[in-house]
Amino acid sequence: MNTTNTAPRSIIELRLGAIMQERKLSVREVAIMTTLTEAAVYRMIRSVPDRIALTSIEKICTALEITPGDLFLIRHPKLAARS
C-alpha cells in the first residue's frame, strides 16, 4: 500500500495573503472591505481552497481594486504562457 501523498500540486495559487501582506491589511480589514466574514478571509489565506464563489472573487477584486489576474497566479508553464 502506497502511503505517499501523490496528489498533484495545484497549478493555481490564490494570492490574497500576499496582497494583504504587501498592503499591510489585516483579515478584519479585508473582511470589512469585502463584506466577507473574517473566517472566510482567513480560510482563503491559510489553506488551499477547492473552490471560491464568483461573488467572493468579485468582492475581493472590487474592494482591493485588482483584477482576477492579480488575485490568481498560474504556475503551470504552458498555461502561464497563455496569459
C-alpha atoms as a PDB file:
ATOM      1  CA  MET A   1       0.000   0.000   0.000  1.00  0.00           C
ATOM      2  CA  ASN A   2       1.383   3.374  -1.050  1.00  0.00           C
ATOM      3  CA  THR A   3       1.037   5.923   1.742  1.00  0.00           C
ATOM      4  CA  THR A   4       2.882   8.745  -0.009  1.00  0.00           C
ATOM      5  CA  ASN A   5       0.868  11.784  -0.929  1.00  0.00           C
ATOM      6  CA  THR A   6       0.835  11.682  -4.709  1.00  0.00           C
ATOM      7  CA  ALA A   7      -1.862  14.297  -5.204  1.00  0.00           C
ATOM      8  CA  PRO A   8      -0.868  16.802  -7.876  1.00  0.00           C
ATOM      9  CA  ARG A   9       0.120  20.234  -6.665  1.00  0.00           C
ATOM     10  CA  SER A  10      -2.367  22.932  -7.582  1.00  0.00           C
ATOM     11  CA  ILE A  11      -1.361  24.991 -10.586  1.00  0.00           C
ATOM     12  CA  ILE A  12      -3.466  27.945  -9.454  1.00  0.00           C
ATOM     13  CA  GLU A  13      -2.333  29.954  -6.467  1.00  0.00           C
ATOM     14  CA  LEU A  14      -4.620  32.373  -4.648  1.00  0.00           C
ATOM     15  CA  ARG A  15      -2.515  35.464  -3.918  1.00  0.00           C
ATOM     16  CA  LEU A  16      -4.847  37.088  -1.377  1.00  0.00           C
ATOM     17  CA  GLY A  17      -2.448  36.573   1.536  1.00  0.00           C
ATOM     18  CA  ALA A  18       0.482  38.039  -0.396  1.00  0.00           C
ATOM     19  CA  ILE A  19      -1.582  41.044  -1.498  1.00  0.00           C
ATOM     20  CA  MET A  20      -2.745  41.619   2.070  1.00  0.00           C
ATOM     21  CA  GLN A  21       0.841  41.434   3.291  1.00  0.00           C
ATOM     22  CA  GLU A  22       2.056  43.870   0.610  1.00  0.00           C
ATOM     23  CA  ARG A  23      -0.650  46.352   1.590  1.00  0.00           C
ATOM     24  CA  LYS A  24      -0.371  45.668   5.321  1.00  0.00           C
ATOM     25  CA  LEU A  25      -4.054  44.716   5.568  1.00  0.00           C
ATOM     26  CA  SER A  26      -5.442  42.560   8.352  1.00  0.00           C
ATOM     27  CA  VAL A  27      -8.035  39.820   7.988  1.00  0.00           C
ATOM     28  CA  ARG A  28     -10.522  42.063   9.759  1.00  0.00           C
ATOM     29  CA  GLU A  29      -9.857  44.991   7.414  1.00  0.00           C
ATOM     30  CA  VAL A  30     -10.317  42.836   4.318  1.00  0.00           C
ATOM     31  CA  ALA A  31     -13.470  41.298   5.765  1.00  0.00           C
ATOM     32  CA  ILE A  32     -14.930  44.758   6.341  1.00  0.00           C
ATOM     33  CA  MET A  33     -13.873  45.989   2.890  1.00  0.00           C
ATOM     34  CA  THR A  34     -15.349  42.960   1.122  1.00  0.00           C
ATOM     35  CA  THR A  35     -18.316  42.134   3.392  1.00  0.00           C
ATOM     36  CA  LEU A  36     -16.966  38.584   3.630  1.00  0.00           C
ATOM     37  CA  THR A  37     -16.698  37.035   7.073  1.00  0.00           C
ATOM     38  CA  GLU A  38     -13.357  37.085   8.848  1.00  0.00           C
ATOM     39  CA  ALA A  39     -13.480  33.280   8.869  1.00  0.00           C
ATOM     40  CA  ALA A  40     -13.899  33.187   5.081  1.00  0.00           C
ATOM     41  CA  VAL A  41     -10.952  35.546   4.517  1.00  0.00           C
ATOM     42  CA  TYR A  42      -8.815  33.605   6.995  1.00  0.00           C
ATOM     43  CA  ARG A  43      -9.605  30.295   5.248  1.00  0.00           C
ATOM     44  CA  MET A  44      -8.607  31.784   1.894  1.00  0.00           C
ATOM     45  CA  ILE A  45      -5.197  32.858   3.138  1.00  0.00           C
ATOM     46  CA  ARG A  46      -4.401  29.851   5.351  1.00  0.00           C
ATOM     47  CA  SER A  47      -5.408  26.893   3.201  1.00  0.00           C
ATOM     48  CA  VAL A  48      -5.755  25.980  -0.430  1.00  0.00           C
ATOM     49  CA  PRO A  49      -9.469  26.359  -1.202  1.00  0.00           C
ATOM     50  CA  ASP A  50     -11.025  23.853  -3.607  1.00  0.00           C
ATOM     51  CA  ARG A  51     -13.398  26.491  -4.875  1.00  0.00           C
ATOM     52  CA  ILE A  52     -14.223  30.149  -4.384  1.00  0.00           C
ATOM     53  CA  ALA A  53     -17.575  31.664  -5.264  1.00  0.00           C
ATOM     54  CA  LEU A  54     -17.519  34.148  -8.123  1.00  0.00           C
ATOM     55  CA  THR A  55     -19.261  36.644  -5.855  1.00  0.00           C
ATOM     56  CA  SER A  56     -16.365  36.378  -3.388  1.00  0.00           C
ATOM     57  CA  ILE A  57     -13.821  36.918  -6.163  1.00  0.00           C
ATOM     58  CA  GLU A  58     -15.791  39.937  -7.340  1.00  0.00           C
ATOM     59  CA  LYS A  59     -15.970  41.397  -3.819  1.00  0.00           C
ATOM     60  CA  ILE A  60     -12.240  40.934  -3.250  1.00  0.00           C
ATOM     61  CA  CYS A  61     -11.273  42.390  -6.623  1.00  0.00           C
ATOM     62  CA  THR A  62     -13.613  45.352  -6.255  1.00  0.00           C
ATOM     63  CA  ALA A  63     -12.543  46.164  -2.691  1.00  0.00           C
ATOM     64  CA  LEU A  64      -8.819  45.836  -3.413  1.00  0.00           C
ATOM     65  CA  GLU A  65      -9.086  47.414  -6.878  1.00  0.00           C
ATOM     66  CA  ILE A  66      -7.424  44.451  -8.578  1.00  0.00           C
ATOM     67  CA  THR A  67      -8.303  42.061 -11.385  1.00  0.00           C
ATOM     68  CA  PRO A  68      -8.781  38.294 -11.110  1.00  0.00           C
ATOM     69  CA  GLY A  69      -5.435  38.054 -12.910  1.00  0.00           C
ATOM     70  CA  ASP A  70      -3.839  39.877  -9.971  1.00  0.00           C
ATOM     71  CA  LEU A  71      -5.609  37.647  -7.453  1.00  0.00           C
ATOM     72  CA  PHE A  72      -4.592  34.326  -9.006  1.00  0.00           C
ATOM     73  CA  LEU A  73      -1.203  33.089 -10.161  1.00  0.00           C
ATOM     74  CA  ILE A  74      -0.990  30.258 -12.691  1.00  0.00           C
ATOM     75  CA  ARG A  75       2.118  28.158 -12.074  1.00  0.00           C
ATOM     76  CA  HIS A  76       1.820  25.683 -14.939  1.00  0.00           C
ATOM     77  CA  PRO A  77       4.332  26.732 -17.630  1.00  0.00           C
ATOM     78  CA  LYS A  78       2.064  26.026 -20.609  1.00  0.00           C
ATOM     79  CA  LEU A  79      -0.948  27.793 -19.070  1.00  0.00           C
ATOM     80  CA  ALA A  80       1.098  30.721 -17.754  1.00  0.00           C
ATOM     81  CA  ALA A  81       2.404  31.402 -21.250  1.00  0.00           C
ATOM     82  CA  ARG A  82      -1.173  31.946 -22.469  1.00  0.00           C
ATOM     83  CA  SER A  83      -1.940  34.798 -20.101  1.00  0.00           C
END
